[in-house]
Protein backbone atom coordinates (compact mmCIF):
# COMPACT_ATOMS: atom_id res chain seq x y z
CA MET A 1 124.05 50.67 -73.25
CA MET A 2 122.41 50.68 -69.97
CA GLY A 3 123.09 54.49 -68.92
CA LYS A 4 126.35 56.25 -68.00
CA SER A 5 128.70 55.08 -65.42
CA TYR A 6 128.79 56.40 -61.95
CA ASN A 7 131.87 58.47 -63.27
CA ASP A 8 129.60 60.23 -65.87
CA VAL A 9 127.29 61.21 -62.82
CA VAL A 10 129.85 62.57 -60.48
CA SER A 11 132.15 63.98 -63.32
CA GLY A 12 130.39 64.63 -66.36
CA THR A 13 133.20 62.54 -68.36
CA VAL A 14 133.65 59.05 -69.48
CA GLU A 15 135.93 56.68 -68.12
CA HIS A 16 136.37 52.95 -68.81
CA ASP A 17 137.22 51.93 -65.11
CA PRO A 18 136.31 53.58 -61.92
CA PRO A 19 139.07 55.69 -60.17
CA ASN A 20 141.86 54.02 -58.15
CA GLN A 21 140.20 53.00 -54.52
CA SER A 22 143.69 53.73 -52.98
CA GLN A 23 143.43 57.09 -53.31
CA GLY A 24 143.05 59.11 -49.89
CA GLN A 25 139.40 60.30 -50.85
CA ASP A 26 136.49 57.92 -51.36
CA ALA A 27 136.98 56.36 -55.00
CA GLY A 28 134.84 58.72 -57.09
CA SER A 29 133.14 59.99 -53.97
CA PHE A 30 130.25 62.17 -53.65
CA GLU A 31 131.25 65.39 -51.95
CA SER A 32 131.00 65.18 -48.31
CA GLY A 33 129.77 68.49 -47.61
CA HIS A 34 126.41 68.83 -45.77
CA LYS A 35 124.92 71.91 -47.55
CA ASP A 36 121.67 71.73 -49.24
CA PRO A 37 122.50 73.22 -52.82
CA ALA A 38 120.23 74.50 -55.45
CA PRO A 39 119.50 70.85 -57.02
CA ALA A 40 118.46 72.11 -60.47
CA ALA A 41 121.80 73.97 -61.05
CA ASN A 42 123.59 71.03 -59.44
CA CYS A 43 121.88 68.59 -61.55
CA SER A 44 122.86 70.68 -64.80
CA ASP A 45 126.28 70.93 -63.82
CA LEU A 46 126.52 66.83 -63.54
CA HIS A 47 124.50 65.43 -66.33
CA SER A 48 122.88 66.22 -69.62
CA ASP A 49 120.07 63.88 -69.47
CA THR A 50 117.03 66.17 -69.73
CA ASP A 51 114.49 63.87 -68.30
CA ALA A 52 116.41 63.25 -65.18
CA GLN A 53 117.11 66.86 -64.90
CA VAL A 54 113.55 67.76 -65.11
CA ALA A 55 112.41 64.92 -62.64
CA VAL A 56 114.91 65.99 -59.98
CA ALA A 57 114.62 69.51 -60.18
CA ALA A 58 110.99 69.24 -59.95
CA LEU A 59 111.73 68.45 -56.16
CA THR A 60 112.63 72.16 -55.75
CA THR A 61 110.14 73.87 -58.34
CA ARG A 62 107.00 72.02 -57.00
CA ARG A 63 107.63 72.34 -53.12
CA PRO A 64 106.19 75.31 -51.53
CA ALA A 65 108.57 77.39 -49.21
CA THR A 66 106.78 75.91 -46.25
CA MET A 67 107.11 72.44 -47.02
CA GLN A 68 109.97 70.48 -45.35
CA LEU A 69 111.34 66.96 -46.29
CA ASP A 70 111.64 64.84 -43.45
CA ILE A 71 115.39 64.63 -43.98
CA ALA A 72 117.73 67.61 -44.67
CA LEU A 73 118.93 66.44 -48.27
CA ASN A 74 122.70 67.24 -48.47
CA GLU A 75 124.62 67.27 -51.65
CA ARG A 76 125.47 63.58 -51.49
CA HIS A 77 121.72 63.07 -51.47
CA TRP A 78 120.80 65.22 -54.46
CA LYS A 79 123.63 63.18 -56.27
CA TYR A 80 122.10 59.98 -55.47
CA LEU A 81 118.67 60.84 -56.55
CA LEU A 82 120.36 62.16 -59.93
CA HIS A 83 122.09 58.66 -60.02
CA PHE A 84 118.78 57.08 -59.31
CA ALA A 85 117.03 59.27 -62.23
CA THR A 86 119.75 58.66 -64.69
CA LYS A 87 121.16 55.14 -64.33
CA ILE A 88 118.67 53.10 -61.96
CA CYS A 89 115.60 54.31 -64.10
CA ALA A 90 117.51 53.60 -67.41
CA ASP A 91 118.19 49.96 -66.21
CA ILE A 92 114.80 49.09 -65.10
CA VAL A 93 113.10 49.40 -68.51
CA ALA A 94 114.34 47.68 -72.11
CA PHE A 95 114.50 51.33 -73.71
CA ASP A 96 114.62 54.53 -72.05
CA GLU A 97 112.60 56.85 -74.27
CA PRO A 98 112.27 60.47 -73.58
CA GLY A 99 108.99 61.06 -71.50
CA GLN A 100 108.26 57.33 -71.38
CA ASN A 101 109.74 55.92 -68.01
CA PRO A 102 107.22 55.52 -65.48
CA MET A 103 109.78 54.97 -62.88
CA ARG A 104 111.43 58.30 -63.47
CA ASP A 105 108.03 59.95 -63.12
CA LEU A 106 107.62 58.79 -59.53
CA ILE A 107 110.49 60.99 -58.41
CA PRO A 108 108.41 64.32 -57.80
CA ALA A 109 106.26 62.13 -55.42
CA THR A 110 108.89 61.96 -53.06
CA LEU A 111 108.07 65.43 -51.71
CA GLN A 112 104.66 63.90 -50.33
CA TYR A 113 105.94 60.38 -49.45
CA PRO A 114 109.17 59.98 -47.57
CA PHE A 115 109.36 56.11 -48.03
CA LEU A 116 109.52 56.53 -51.78
CA LEU A 117 112.38 58.98 -51.41
CA HIS A 118 114.46 56.66 -48.93
CA VAL A 119 113.83 53.61 -51.18
CA MET A 120 115.20 55.53 -54.08
CA LEU A 121 118.16 56.78 -52.23
CA ALA A 122 118.81 53.11 -50.78
CA ASN A 123 118.78 51.78 -54.41
CA SER A 124 121.12 54.35 -55.90
CA ALA A 125 123.61 54.18 -52.83
CA PHE A 126 123.99 50.57 -52.88
CA HIS A 127 124.45 50.87 -56.70
CA VAL A 128 127.19 53.43 -56.39
CA PHE A 129 128.52 51.06 -53.75
CA ASN A 130 128.93 48.23 -56.38
CA ILE A 131 130.45 50.65 -58.91
CA SER A 132 132.90 52.04 -56.51
CA GLN A 133 134.34 48.31 -55.89
CA GLY A 134 135.55 48.43 -59.48
CA PRO A 135 134.83 46.06 -62.52
CA VAL A 136 135.12 42.64 -62.22
CA SER A 137 138.42 41.07 -63.72
CA MET A 138 137.67 38.09 -65.94
CA THR A 139 141.52 36.89 -65.65
CA GLY A 140 140.92 36.64 -61.68
CA ARG A 141 138.86 33.63 -61.59
CA GLU A 142 140.51 31.03 -59.27
CA GLU A 143 140.92 27.70 -60.76
CA ASN A 144 137.72 26.09 -58.50
CA GLY A 145 135.67 28.88 -59.60
CA ARG A 146 134.82 30.15 -56.41
CA ARG A 147 135.54 33.73 -56.76
CA HIS A 148 132.69 35.94 -55.46
CA GLN A 149 131.87 39.63 -55.76
CA GLY A 150 133.90 40.27 -52.29
CA SER A 151 132.65 40.32 -48.89
CA ILE A 152 130.36 43.07 -47.79
CA THR A 153 131.73 42.61 -44.50
CA ALA A 154 135.37 43.35 -45.92
CA ALA A 155 134.01 46.16 -48.07
CA GLN A 156 133.11 48.25 -45.22
CA SER A 157 136.51 48.84 -44.09
CA THR A 158 137.24 50.37 -47.58
CA PRO A 159 137.10 54.14 -48.25
CA ASN A 160 133.99 53.29 -49.85
CA HIS A 161 132.14 52.37 -46.80
CA ARG A 162 130.15 55.65 -46.86
CA PHE A 163 127.96 54.44 -49.82
CA TYR A 164 127.30 51.12 -48.17
CA THR A 165 126.03 52.72 -44.99
CA ASP A 166 124.12 55.37 -46.76
CA ALA A 167 122.55 52.45 -48.40
CA LEU A 168 121.58 50.65 -45.39
CA VAL A 169 120.33 53.84 -43.40
CA ALA A 170 118.02 54.59 -46.56
CA LYS A 171 116.85 51.22 -46.51
CA GLN A 172 115.80 51.26 -42.99
CA GLN A 173 114.19 54.59 -42.85
CA ALA A 174 112.25 53.38 -46.10
CA LEU A 175 110.86 50.53 -44.29
CA ALA A 176 110.13 52.28 -41.19
CA SER A 177 108.28 55.11 -43.06
CA LEU A 178 106.21 52.76 -45.49
CA ALA A 179 105.25 50.79 -42.10
CA LYS A 180 103.66 53.61 -40.70
CA PHE A 181 101.81 54.63 -43.99
CA ILE A 182 100.81 51.10 -45.08
CA THR A 183 97.32 51.61 -43.48
CA ALA A 184 96.63 54.65 -45.21
CA VAL A 185 96.67 53.32 -48.68
CA ASP A 186 93.84 54.40 -51.08
CA PRO A 187 93.11 54.74 -54.47
CA VAL A 188 95.03 58.01 -54.80
CA ASN A 189 98.45 56.82 -53.39
CA PHE A 190 97.98 53.18 -54.50
CA ASP A 191 100.28 53.47 -57.50
CA LEU A 192 103.08 55.10 -55.22
CA VAL A 193 103.04 52.81 -52.52
CA LEU A 194 103.27 49.76 -55.16
CA GLY A 195 106.20 51.69 -56.72
CA ALA A 196 107.89 51.72 -53.70
CA VAL A 197 107.44 47.99 -52.96
CA LEU A 198 108.77 47.38 -56.41
CA LEU A 199 111.99 49.39 -55.63
CA PHE A 200 112.69 47.16 -52.36
CA ILE A 201 112.80 44.18 -54.61
CA ASN A 202 114.96 46.26 -57.00
CA TYR A 203 117.25 46.98 -54.06
CA ASP A 204 117.47 43.45 -53.01
CA LEU A 205 118.52 42.56 -56.87
CA ILE A 206 121.30 45.40 -56.74
CA GLU A 207 122.48 43.84 -53.35
CA SER A 208 122.57 40.32 -53.89
CA GLY A 209 119.01 38.75 -55.26
CA LYS A 210 118.90 36.62 -52.19
CA GLU A 211 115.41 35.88 -50.36
CA GLN A 212 114.82 39.25 -48.98
CA TRP A 213 112.75 39.85 -52.03
CA LYS A 214 110.28 37.11 -51.25
CA PRO A 215 108.24 39.20 -48.60
CA HIS A 216 108.19 42.22 -50.81
CA LEU A 217 106.52 40.25 -53.38
CA GLU A 218 104.08 38.76 -51.09
CA GLY A 219 103.46 42.24 -49.92
CA ALA A 220 102.82 43.38 -53.57
CA ARG A 221 100.50 40.56 -53.92
CA LYS A 222 98.43 41.73 -51.08
CA LEU A 223 98.37 45.29 -52.32
CA ILE A 224 97.34 44.04 -55.82
CA SER A 225 94.34 42.30 -54.40
CA LEU A 226 92.87 45.72 -53.45
CA LEU A 227 92.12 45.91 -57.36
CA GLU A 228 89.22 43.71 -56.98
CA THR A 229 87.38 46.66 -55.42
CA PRO A 230 85.82 49.31 -57.89
CA PRO A 231 87.50 52.45 -56.37
CA TYR A 232 91.17 51.06 -57.14
CA ARG A 233 90.40 50.02 -60.84
CA GLN A 234 91.43 52.08 -63.56
CA GLN A 235 89.75 51.88 -67.19
CA PRO A 236 92.01 52.13 -69.12
CA MET A 237 95.00 51.51 -66.87
CA SER A 238 97.54 54.35 -66.66
CA ASN A 239 100.96 53.97 -68.09
CA LEU A 240 102.30 53.80 -64.67
CA ARG A 241 99.71 51.24 -63.19
CA THR A 242 100.65 49.02 -66.23
CA PHE A 243 104.50 49.28 -65.91
CA LEU A 244 104.11 48.25 -62.23
CA LEU A 245 101.74 45.48 -62.77
CA SER A 246 104.06 44.09 -65.46
CA GLU A 247 107.24 44.29 -63.61
CA PHE A 248 105.40 42.41 -60.56
CA LEU A 249 103.94 39.82 -63.00
CA VAL A 250 107.79 39.19 -64.59
CA TYR A 251 109.17 38.98 -60.93
CA ASN A 252 106.31 36.50 -59.94
CA ILE A 253 106.84 34.18 -62.58
CA LEU A 254 110.77 34.32 -62.56
CA GLY A 255 110.72 34.02 -58.94
CA SER A 256 109.10 30.55 -59.23
CA THR A 257 112.55 29.12 -60.90
CA PHE A 258 113.40 27.59 -57.72
CA ARG A 259 110.12 26.56 -56.62
CA PHE A 260 108.04 23.50 -57.29
CA SER A 261 104.54 24.83 -56.05
CA SER A 262 103.35 28.23 -57.23
CA SER A 263 102.82 31.26 -55.08
CA ALA A 264 99.11 32.54 -54.68
CA LYS A 265 97.60 34.27 -57.75
CA LEU A 266 99.09 37.44 -58.61
CA PHE A 267 96.27 39.43 -60.18
CA PRO A 268 92.21 39.27 -59.46
CA ASP A 269 90.21 37.94 -62.31
CA CYS A 270 89.11 41.54 -63.02
CA ILE A 271 92.72 42.56 -64.42
CA ASP A 272 93.05 42.28 -68.27
CA LEU A 273 96.47 40.49 -68.56
CA ASN A 274 96.65 41.59 -72.18
CA PRO A 275 97.97 45.03 -71.89
CA ILE A 276 100.13 43.91 -69.01
CA LEU A 277 101.85 41.00 -70.99
CA GLN A 278 102.20 43.53 -73.85
CA TYR A 279 104.14 45.97 -72.10
CA ALA A 280 106.19 43.50 -70.23
CA GLU A 281 107.39 41.88 -73.71
CA SER A 282 108.30 45.22 -75.28
CA ASN A 283 109.74 47.49 -72.40
CA ASN A 284 110.43 44.89 -69.37
CA TYR A 285 114.16 44.74 -69.58
CA LEU A 286 113.97 41.08 -69.52
CA SER A 287 112.02 41.10 -73.05
CA LEU A 288 110.09 37.94 -72.33
CA PRO A 289 107.48 37.35 -74.90
CA GLY A 290 103.99 37.30 -73.92
CA PRO A 291 102.94 33.90 -75.34
CA LEU A 292 105.80 32.33 -73.63
CA MET A 293 104.72 34.07 -70.12
CA ARG A 294 101.30 32.67 -70.57
CA ILE A 295 102.78 29.08 -70.92
CA MET A 296 104.67 29.47 -67.65
CA LEU A 297 101.62 30.86 -66.13
CA LYS A 298 99.85 27.85 -66.94
CA SER A 299 102.51 25.64 -65.30
CA PHE A 300 101.48 27.23 -62.26
CA ILE A 301 98.20 25.61 -61.91
CA LEU A 302 99.89 22.28 -62.67
CA SER A 303 102.54 23.13 -59.71
CA GLU A 304 100.02 23.59 -57.28
CA SER A 305 100.15 19.79 -56.44
CA LEU A 306 103.65 19.15 -57.06
CA ASP A 307 105.99 19.62 -53.96
CA SER A 308 108.74 17.83 -55.45
CA VAL A 309 109.72 15.46 -58.19
CA GLU A 310 108.84 12.37 -56.12
CA ASP A 311 105.25 13.70 -56.74
CA LEU A 312 105.22 13.59 -60.58
CA SER A 313 102.55 11.38 -61.65
CA ILE A 314 101.44 10.15 -65.08
CA GLU A 315 98.96 12.98 -65.28
CA HIS A 316 101.63 15.50 -64.32
CA GLN A 317 103.81 14.04 -66.90
CA GLU A 318 101.44 14.47 -69.63
CA ARG A 319 100.33 17.93 -68.94
CA LEU A 320 104.05 18.91 -68.56
CA LYS A 321 104.39 17.12 -72.15
CA GLY A 322 101.87 19.35 -73.45
CA LEU A 323 103.22 22.43 -72.09
CA LEU A 324 106.63 21.55 -73.47
CA GLU A 325 105.41 21.09 -76.78
CA GLU A 326 103.46 24.34 -76.61
CA ALA A 327 106.65 26.26 -75.90
CA LEU A 328 108.52 24.49 -78.56
CA ALA A 329 105.78 25.39 -81.03
CA PHE A 330 106.30 28.97 -80.37
CA ASN A 331 107.69 30.63 -83.40
CA PRO A 332 109.65 33.88 -82.75
CA THR A 333 109.59 34.87 -86.44
CA GLN A 334 105.71 34.82 -86.23
CA TRP A 335 105.41 36.40 -82.91
CA LEU A 336 107.72 39.35 -84.20
CA GLN A 337 105.14 40.00 -87.06
CA HIS A 338 102.63 41.32 -84.36
CA PHE A 339 105.32 42.65 -81.88
CA ARG A 340 104.80 46.32 -81.09
CA PRO A 341 108.38 47.86 -80.37
CA ALA A 342 108.78 50.12 -77.39
CA SER A 343 111.21 52.15 -79.34
CA PRO A 344 111.98 53.08 -82.99
CA VAL A 345 115.61 52.00 -82.50
CA ASP A 346 114.57 48.58 -81.11
CA ASP A 347 116.51 46.05 -83.24
CA LEU A 348 114.03 43.34 -84.33
CA GLY A 349 117.08 40.96 -85.41
CA LYS A 350 118.12 40.99 -81.77
CA ARG A 351 114.86 40.68 -80.63
CA LEU A 352 114.42 37.50 -82.62
CA HIS A 353 117.56 36.19 -80.93
CA ILE A 354 116.36 36.96 -77.22
CA ALA A 355 112.97 35.61 -77.96
CA SER A 356 114.52 32.16 -79.44
CA ALA A 357 116.91 32.25 -76.26
CA HIS A 358 113.87 32.68 -74.03
CA ARG A 359 111.69 29.78 -75.97
CA TYR A 360 114.67 27.35 -74.99
CA ALA A 361 114.59 28.88 -71.53
CA VAL A 362 111.16 28.46 -70.75
CA CYS A 363 111.60 24.54 -71.97
CA ILE A 364 114.09 24.28 -69.42
CA TYR A 365 112.10 26.22 -66.76
CA LEU A 366 109.15 23.57 -67.31
CA ALA A 367 111.48 20.83 -67.53
CA ARG A 368 113.02 21.43 -64.00
CA PHE A 369 109.82 19.48 -62.53
CA ILE A 370 111.26 16.35 -64.23
CA PRO A 371 114.13 14.21 -63.10
CA TYR A 372 116.96 13.51 -65.64
CA ASN A 373 116.20 10.00 -66.01
CA ASN A 374 112.48 10.40 -66.79
CA PRO A 375 111.42 9.32 -70.20
CA LEU A 376 110.53 12.66 -71.19
CA LEU A 377 114.12 13.81 -71.03
CA ASP A 378 116.17 10.39 -71.14
CA PRO A 379 117.68 10.31 -74.80
CA THR A 380 118.18 6.41 -74.75
CA GLY A 381 114.46 5.77 -74.02
CA GLY A 382 113.01 6.93 -77.55
CA SER A 383 110.28 9.04 -76.34
CA ALA A 384 112.11 11.95 -75.26
CA VAL A 385 110.76 15.44 -76.03
CA ILE A 386 113.54 17.89 -75.30
CA SER A 387 116.94 17.57 -75.06
CA LEU A 388 118.56 19.82 -71.88
CA THR A 389 121.83 20.16 -73.12
CA GLY A 390 120.60 20.76 -76.65
CA LEU A 391 118.54 23.54 -75.32
CA ALA A 392 121.56 25.18 -73.38
CA THR A 393 123.52 25.05 -76.50
CA GLY A 394 120.72 27.00 -78.43
CA ILE A 395 120.55 29.57 -75.73
CA ILE A 396 124.35 30.15 -75.95
CA ARG A 397 124.06 30.38 -79.64
CA HIS A 398 121.34 32.84 -79.85
CA ILE A 399 122.65 35.03 -76.87
CA SER A 400 126.13 35.12 -78.50
CA TRP A 401 124.54 37.60 -81.08
CA ILE A 402 123.90 39.97 -78.43
CA LYS A 403 126.78 42.45 -77.65
CA PRO A 404 127.47 44.28 -74.33
CA ASP A 405 126.60 47.70 -76.36
CA ASP A 406 123.07 46.43 -77.39
CA THR A 407 120.29 47.42 -75.19
CA LEU A 408 118.88 44.04 -75.22
CA PHE A 409 121.97 42.62 -73.61
CA LYS A 410 120.28 43.29 -70.14
CA SER A 411 117.79 40.55 -71.32
CA ILE A 412 120.15 37.73 -71.01
CA THR A 413 120.33 36.57 -67.45
CA TRP A 414 117.58 34.41 -67.02
CA PRO A 415 118.06 32.24 -70.15
CA LEU A 416 121.92 32.14 -69.53
CA PHE A 417 121.52 30.98 -65.96
CA LEU A 418 119.19 28.10 -67.00
CA ALA A 419 121.57 27.31 -70.08
CA GLY A 420 124.41 27.21 -67.47
CA ALA A 421 122.43 24.82 -65.02
CA GLU A 422 121.92 22.23 -67.76
CA SER A 423 125.20 22.46 -69.77
CA ASP A 424 127.79 19.80 -69.14
CA ASP A 425 130.22 21.35 -71.75
CA LEU A 426 133.18 22.99 -70.05
CA GLU A 427 133.76 25.29 -72.65
CA GLU A 428 130.14 26.56 -72.58
CA ARG A 429 130.43 26.89 -68.93
CA LYS A 430 133.32 29.11 -69.25
CA TRP A 431 131.77 31.38 -71.82
CA ILE A 432 128.59 31.66 -69.86
CA LEU A 433 130.78 32.96 -66.68
CA GLU A 434 132.84 35.36 -68.78
CA THR A 435 129.51 36.81 -70.24
CA LEU A 436 127.99 37.21 -66.87
CA ASP A 437 131.15 38.95 -65.66
CA LEU A 438 130.64 41.06 -68.80
CA PHE A 439 126.98 41.79 -67.82
CA TYR A 440 128.01 42.72 -64.33
CA ASN A 441 130.55 45.12 -65.47
CA GLU A 442 127.68 46.93 -67.69
CA LEU A 443 124.99 46.75 -64.82
CA ARG A 444 126.83 46.38 -61.52
CA TRP A 445 123.48 44.57 -59.94
CA GLY A 446 124.69 42.16 -57.43
CA TYR A 447 122.36 39.33 -58.06
CA ILE A 448 124.49 38.58 -61.10
CA ARG A 449 127.40 37.76 -58.81
CA THR A 450 124.99 35.27 -56.93
CA VAL A 451 123.93 33.89 -60.21
CA GLU A 452 127.45 32.99 -60.78
CA THR A 453 127.81 31.35 -57.37
CA THR A 454 124.67 29.44 -57.79
CA LEU A 455 126.00 28.08 -61.07
CA TRP A 456 128.99 26.54 -59.47
CA ASP A 457 126.76 24.84 -56.75
CA ILE A 458 124.66 23.24 -59.09
CA TRP A 459 127.64 21.91 -61.17
CA GLY A 460 128.88 20.49 -57.95
CA PHE A 461 125.29 19.04 -57.42
CA LYS A 462 125.83 17.43 -60.75
CA GLU A 463 129.07 15.93 -60.56
CA GLU A 464 127.41 14.24 -56.99
CA GLY A 465 124.75 12.60 -59.14
CA VAL A 466 121.93 14.72 -58.07
CA LEU A 467 118.98 14.16 -60.31
CA CYS A 468 117.29 17.53 -60.01
CA TRP A 469 119.20 20.69 -59.34
CA VAL A 470 115.96 22.61 -58.31
CA THR A 471 115.36 20.16 -55.31
CA GLU A 472 118.87 20.50 -54.09
CA VAL A 473 119.05 24.29 -54.41
CA LYS A 474 115.94 24.36 -52.35
CA ARG A 475 117.08 21.83 -49.63
CA ARG A 476 120.17 23.98 -49.23
CA GLY A 477 118.03 27.38 -48.69
CA ALA A 478 119.55 29.12 -51.90
CA GLU A 479 116.36 30.68 -53.39
CA ILE A 480 117.21 33.53 -55.24
CA LEU A 481 115.69 36.08 -57.88
CA ILE A 482 117.22 35.68 -61.22
CA ALA A 483 116.18 38.66 -63.32
C-alpha cells in the first residue's frame, strides 16, 4: 500500500515481519562497511523502483569528478538515500505516480545543498529505526491501555542503536548546515530550502509528532512571506512549489487542532489558493477536500479573539453555528463530480468515504471550541446543531470501508483521532486503537503511537468531568501534530 518495507529495501524480498532482533547482527541491518560503492549499481541490486533508482543514481551521474560532498557517503548512507527515495517519498503523497513525485525530484539537489542531504538521511534513518523495532502486537495491549511504542532510551541499548544514532547525527548536521545557509536564500534556491524545512517536520512526525514541529512551521511561514516580493513569485507555480505550499497549508490547518487562537497568516494575499487546495485534496496523503479546508481557514479568523472556551461569546457561538452548518452542507457526492484525481487508479468510491469522514471530522474540529454543556451541543436543550458522539460513529463507519491495502488508508489518522476524542463507546474506542495499530504497522511513523497515547489521556480527562479536552491537552503541554 505505502511502498515496500525495510526488508524489501535491504534484501529485495518481501517478508511480513522484520527479522528477529535477537540475532547477533543488527536486525535487517545495513552493511557496516565504510566503502563508497558505485551507487547506481548498488541501487539496482536493492530495488526495482525505477524513479528511485534514477533519483539516487543522479548523485553520481551529475557530480563532476572534482565535486566533493561534505561527508563521505558510505554504503549505509546510500541505502538510507534509497530508502528515502522508495519509501519516504511514496508515503508523503497520496499516489506515487511515475515522474510525478516532487519530493523525489529534490534528491539530485543534495549535491549542492548539504542540509538537504542530511535531513533526508535523518528521515530515512529514523524510519528504519522504527521498522527495526518490529510491528506492534495488537494482542499485547495492557488492560489500562498504557502500552506505548517503547522507550527511545531503552531502544538505544538494543542492536539497532546504529539507526537511531545515525538519525540524530544527520539531523544535527542538517540543522547546523541550514543555519549557515539560511541567510543566502534567494529565488533560485528558495524551494530547496522550503523543502528541507518540510522534511524537518516530517522527521518529527516519524519520531513522535510532538512539539518540535512548531518552530519549523514558523520558519516556513517566514520563508513563505518572501513570496510577497516579485523575484520570488512564479507564474504559473511549478509543480514543486505547489506541492510544498500545499503540504504547509495542510500542516498549518491540522496543527491548530490543539489551539484556540490561530497562528499568523500562512500565505501572502498575492498567492492564489485554488491550485494549492486542488493539489492538496488530490495528492496530499491526508486527502482533505478543498471546500472543507476553506471552512477551517475561516475558523482561524474567528479564533483570533478566542483563547479559551471561557471567551466564547454569543457572537462567537453564532459564527461557529454558521461554520458548522456550512460543513454539514458539504456534499461529498457533488464534490466528487468536479474532483480531479491525481492517479488513474484513484478509487472514487474510497474517496467518497474519506471525504465523508473528513466532513464529520471538520465538524468536530469546529466544535472543539464549545463546552459540552453548550446549547449548540447539548442534546437535551432542543437547539443542538450536531451530536459529537454521532459524528464519531459516522467517521468510524466510513473509515471501516478503507482497508490497509488501500492507498487512501494513509488518510485516516486525523479523522480517526477526532472520532476517538469524542466517542464514549468502549467498542468504538477498541476498534479505533486496533485500526491505529494496523496503520502504524503499515507506515511506521512515530506520531501514530503518540496519537494513541493522547487518546488515552483524553478519555481519562472525560472520566474526570472535563468539559473541553482541547483545553486540558493544552494545559498539560501535550500539543502534537496529527497528520
